[in-house]
């Protein structure tokens, strides 16, 4: 696996760790409200808060899987599968929520996939 691929995949993992932080730890913070375009009051709602925390754990585990694929297993195939999954989810989000999601959540994953071609 190219060093560039490892760097890009690690950046994707860091992005997902940041999302984990926003959704699970800083769920109703001003920054989380700004990033997701919601009010802090809305994020404090019991149902939304629980949903965000669950989604955050999911994103944190994606980061763990990426780091395992890169550093523990050094598996280009695993990295490709994870990046394809991330791009697919980002594409879905861009159609159902906000078109910018494909670049915001999928941009680094797309670059990582491109680097896997070489």
C-alpha atoms as a PDB file:
ATOM      1  CA  UNK A   1       0.000   0.000   0.000  1.00  0.00           C
ATOM      2  CA  UNK A   2       1.350   3.420  -0.956  1.00  0.00           C
ATOM      3  CA  UNK A   3       2.369   5.830   1.780  1.00  0.00           C
ATOM      4  CA  UNK A   4      -0.018   8.364   0.227  1.00  0.00           C
ATOM      5  CA  UNK A   5      -2.892   5.898   0.622  1.00  0.00           C
ATOM      6  CA  UNK A   6      -1.978   5.344   4.268  1.00  0.00           C
ATOM      7  CA  UNK A   7      -1.883   9.089   4.899  1.00  0.00           C
ATOM      8  CA  UNK A   8      -5.203   9.730   3.152  1.00  0.00           C
ATOM      9  CA  UNK A   9      -6.908   6.801   4.876  1.00  0.00           C
ATOM     10  CA  UNK A  10      -5.610   8.041   8.230  1.00  0.00           C
ATOM     11  CA  UNK A  11      -7.060  11.480   7.461  1.00  0.00           C
ATOM     12  CA  UNK A  12     -10.416   9.824   6.720  1.00  0.00           C
ATOM     13  CA  UNK A  13     -10.197   8.030  10.078  1.00  0.00           C
ATOM     14  CA  UNK A  14      -9.417  11.331  11.816  1.00  0.00           C
ATOM     15  CA  UNK A  15     -12.429  12.902  10.106  1.00  0.00           C
ATOM     16  CA  UNK A  16     -14.626  10.116  11.467  1.00  0.00           C
ATOM     17  CA  UNK A  17     -13.102  10.496  14.935  1.00  0.00           C
ATOM     18  CA  UNK A  18     -14.037  14.190  14.770  1.00  0.00           C
ATOM     19  CA  UNK A  19     -17.587  13.265  13.727  1.00  0.00           C
ATOM     20  CA  UNK A  20     -17.652  10.771  16.631  1.00  0.00           C
ATOM     21  CA  UNK A  21     -16.611  13.568  18.984  1.00  0.00           C
ATOM     22  CA  UNK A  22     -19.278  15.954  17.693  1.00  0.00           C
ATOM     23  CA  UNK A  23     -22.076  13.402  17.769  1.00  0.00           C
ATOM     24  CA  UNK A  24     -21.242  11.453  20.921  1.00  0.00           C
ATOM     25  CA  UNK A  25     -19.295  13.726  23.259  1.00  0.00           C
ATOM     26  CA  UNK A  26     -20.202  17.277  22.203  1.00  0.00           C
ATOM     27  CA  UNK A  27     -23.701  16.339  21.075  1.00  0.00           C
ATOM     28  CA  UNK A  28     -25.438  19.605  21.912  1.00  0.00           C
ATOM     29  CA  UNK A  29     -22.479  21.965  21.592  1.00  0.00           C
ATOM     30  CA  UNK A  30     -22.489  25.163  19.579  1.00  0.00           C
ATOM     31  CA  UNK A  31     -20.010  23.637  17.134  1.00  0.00           C
ATOM     32  CA  UNK A  32     -22.129  20.525  16.581  1.00  0.00           C
ATOM     33  CA  UNK A  33     -25.188  22.717  16.018  1.00  0.00           C
ATOM     34  CA  UNK A  34     -23.275  24.746  13.438  1.00  0.00           C
ATOM     35  CA  UNK A  35     -21.810  21.729  11.624  1.00  0.00           C
ATOM     36  CA  UNK A  36     -25.186  20.006  11.310  1.00  0.00           C
ATOM     37  CA  UNK A  37     -27.245  23.161  10.799  1.00  0.00           C
ATOM     38  CA  UNK A  38     -29.429  22.577  13.859  1.00  0.00           C
ATOM     39  CA  UNK A  39     -30.110  24.520  17.022  1.00  0.00           C
ATOM     40  CA  UNK A  40     -28.566  23.505  20.302  1.00  0.00           C
ATOM     41  CA  UNK A  41     -32.063  23.296  21.746  1.00  0.00           C
ATOM     42  CA  UNK A  42     -33.036  20.783  19.069  1.00  0.00           C
ATOM     43  CA  UNK A  43     -29.890  18.731  19.731  1.00  0.00           C
ATOM     44  CA  UNK A  44     -30.794  18.620  23.440  1.00  0.00           C
ATOM     45  CA  UNK A  45     -34.059  16.868  22.639  1.00  0.00           C
ATOM     46  CA  UNK A  46     -33.996  13.373  24.126  1.00  0.00           C
ATOM     47  CA  UNK A  47     -34.676  11.477  20.897  1.00  0.00           C
ATOM     48  CA  UNK A  48     -32.281  13.528  18.775  1.00  0.00           C
ATOM     49  CA  UNK A  49     -29.594  13.348  21.439  1.00  0.00           C
ATOM     50  CA  UNK A  50     -29.823   9.551  21.656  1.00  0.00           C
ATOM     51  CA  UNK A  51     -29.851   9.198  17.862  1.00  0.00           C
ATOM     52  CA  UNK A  52     -26.780  11.437  17.536  1.00  0.00           C
ATOM     53  CA  UNK A  53     -24.870   9.494  20.190  1.00  0.00           C
ATOM     54  CA  UNK A  54     -25.667   6.179  18.492  1.00  0.00           C
ATOM     55  CA  UNK A  55     -24.626   7.561  15.105  1.00  0.00           C
ATOM     56  CA  UNK A  56     -21.449   8.902  16.692  1.00  0.00           C
ATOM     57  CA  UNK A  57     -20.455   5.475  18.004  1.00  0.00           C
ATOM     58  CA  UNK A  58     -21.030   4.061  14.516  1.00  0.00           C
ATOM     59  CA  UNK A  59     -18.724   6.710  13.013  1.00  0.00           C
ATOM     60  CA  UNK A  60     -16.099   6.096  15.694  1.00  0.00           C
ATOM     61  CA  UNK A  61     -16.075   2.386  14.869  1.00  0.00           C
ATOM     62  CA  UNK A  62     -15.650   3.167  11.161  1.00  0.00           C
ATOM     63  CA  UNK A  63     -12.517   5.110  12.157  1.00  0.00           C
ATOM     64  CA  UNK A  64     -11.250   2.122  14.154  1.00  0.00           C
ATOM     65  CA  UNK A  65     -11.824  -0.200  11.183  1.00  0.00           C
ATOM     66  CA  UNK A  66      -9.940   2.136   8.854  1.00  0.00           C
ATOM     67  CA  UNK A  67      -6.985   2.324  11.235  1.00  0.00           C
ATOM     68  CA  UNK A  68      -6.973  -1.468  11.622  1.00  0.00           C
ATOM     69  CA  UNK A  69      -7.090  -1.924   7.834  1.00  0.00           C
ATOM     70  CA  UNK A  70      -4.156   0.444   7.355  1.00  0.00           C
ATOM     71  CA  UNK A  71      -1.878  -0.304  10.287  1.00  0.00           C
ATOM     72  CA  UNK A  72      -2.751  -3.724  11.718  1.00  0.00           C
ATOM     73  CA  UNK A  73      -3.543  -5.588   8.501  1.00  0.00           C
ATOM     74  CA  UNK A  74      -1.981  -3.327   5.864  1.00  0.00           C
ATOM     75  CA  UNK A  75      -4.825  -4.389   3.596  1.00  0.00           C
ATOM     76  CA  UNK A  76      -5.465  -2.327   0.496  1.00  0.00           C
ATOM     77  CA  UNK A  77      -8.580  -4.425  -0.195  1.00  0.00           C
ATOM     78  CA  UNK A  78     -10.040  -3.578   3.229  1.00  0.00           C
ATOM     79  CA  UNK A  79      -9.253   0.113   2.730  1.00  0.00           C
ATOM     80  CA  UNK A  80     -10.953   0.061  -0.679  1.00  0.00           C
ATOM     81  CA  UNK A  81     -14.054  -1.638   0.775  1.00  0.00           C
ATOM     82  CA  UNK A  82     -14.298   0.854   3.628  1.00  0.00           C
ATOM     83  CA  UNK A  83     -13.799   3.852   1.334  1.00  0.00           C
ATOM     84  CA  UNK A  84     -16.417   2.546  -1.110  1.00  0.00           C
ATOM     85  CA  UNK A  85     -18.824   2.166   1.789  1.00  0.00           C
ATOM     86  CA  UNK A  86     -18.116   5.720   2.999  1.00  0.00           C
ATOM     87  CA  UNK A  87     -18.584   7.143  -0.500  1.00  0.00           C
ATOM     88  CA  UNK A  88     -21.857   5.204  -0.911  1.00  0.00           C
ATOM     89  CA  UNK A  89     -23.197   6.547   2.390  1.00  0.00           C
ATOM     90  CA  UNK A  90     -22.055  10.074   1.511  1.00  0.00           C
ATOM     91  CA  UNK A  91     -23.726   9.783  -1.892  1.00  0.00           C
ATOM     92  CA  UNK A  92     -26.951   8.673  -0.233  1.00  0.00           C
ATOM     93  CA  UNK A  93     -26.707  11.592   2.202  1.00  0.00           C
ATOM     94  CA  UNK A  94     -26.102  14.019  -0.644  1.00  0.00           C
ATOM     95  CA  UNK A  95     -29.356  12.902  -2.293  1.00  0.00           C
ATOM     96  CA  UNK A  96     -31.477  12.712   0.848  1.00  0.00           C
ATOM     97  CA  UNK A  97     -30.107  15.520   2.997  1.00  0.00           C
ATOM     98  CA  UNK A  98     -27.534  17.963   1.642  1.00  0.00           C
ATOM     99  CA  UNK A  99     -25.681  17.813  -1.699  1.00  0.00           C
ATOM    100  CA  UNK A 100     -22.481  19.029   0.001  1.00  0.00           C
ATOM    101  CA  UNK A 101     -22.217  15.774   1.972  1.00  0.00           C
ATOM    102  CA  UNK A 102     -20.626  13.962  -0.970  1.00  0.00           C
ATOM    103  CA  UNK A 103     -17.628  16.301  -0.735  1.00  0.00           C
ATOM    104  CA  UNK A 104     -17.679  16.953   3.010  1.00  0.00           C
ATOM    105  CA  UNK A 105     -17.900  13.316   4.091  1.00  0.00           C
ATOM    106  CA  UNK A 106     -16.840  11.555   0.916  1.00  0.00           C
ATOM    107  CA  UNK A 107     -14.131  13.832  -0.471  1.00  0.00           C
ATOM    108  CA  UNK A 108     -11.154  12.359   1.378  1.00  0.00           C
ATOM    109  CA  UNK A 109     -12.493   8.846   0.849  1.00  0.00           C
ATOM    110  CA  UNK A 110     -12.684   9.495  -2.914  1.00  0.00           C
ATOM    111  CA  UNK A 111      -9.081  10.721  -2.918  1.00  0.00           C
ATOM    112  CA  UNK A 112      -8.066   7.633  -0.941  1.00  0.00           C
ATOM    113  CA  UNK A 113      -9.769   5.403  -3.513  1.00  0.00           C
ATOM    114  CA  UNK A 114      -7.965   7.198  -6.331  1.00  0.00           C
ATOM    115  CA  UNK A 115      -4.630   6.651  -4.551  1.00  0.00           C
ATOM    116  CA  UNK A 116      -5.427   2.904  -4.321  1.00  0.00           C
ATOM    117  CA  UNK A 117      -5.372   2.647  -8.109  1.00  0.00           C
ATOM    118  CA  UNK A 118      -1.617   3.126  -8.122  1.00  0.00           C
END
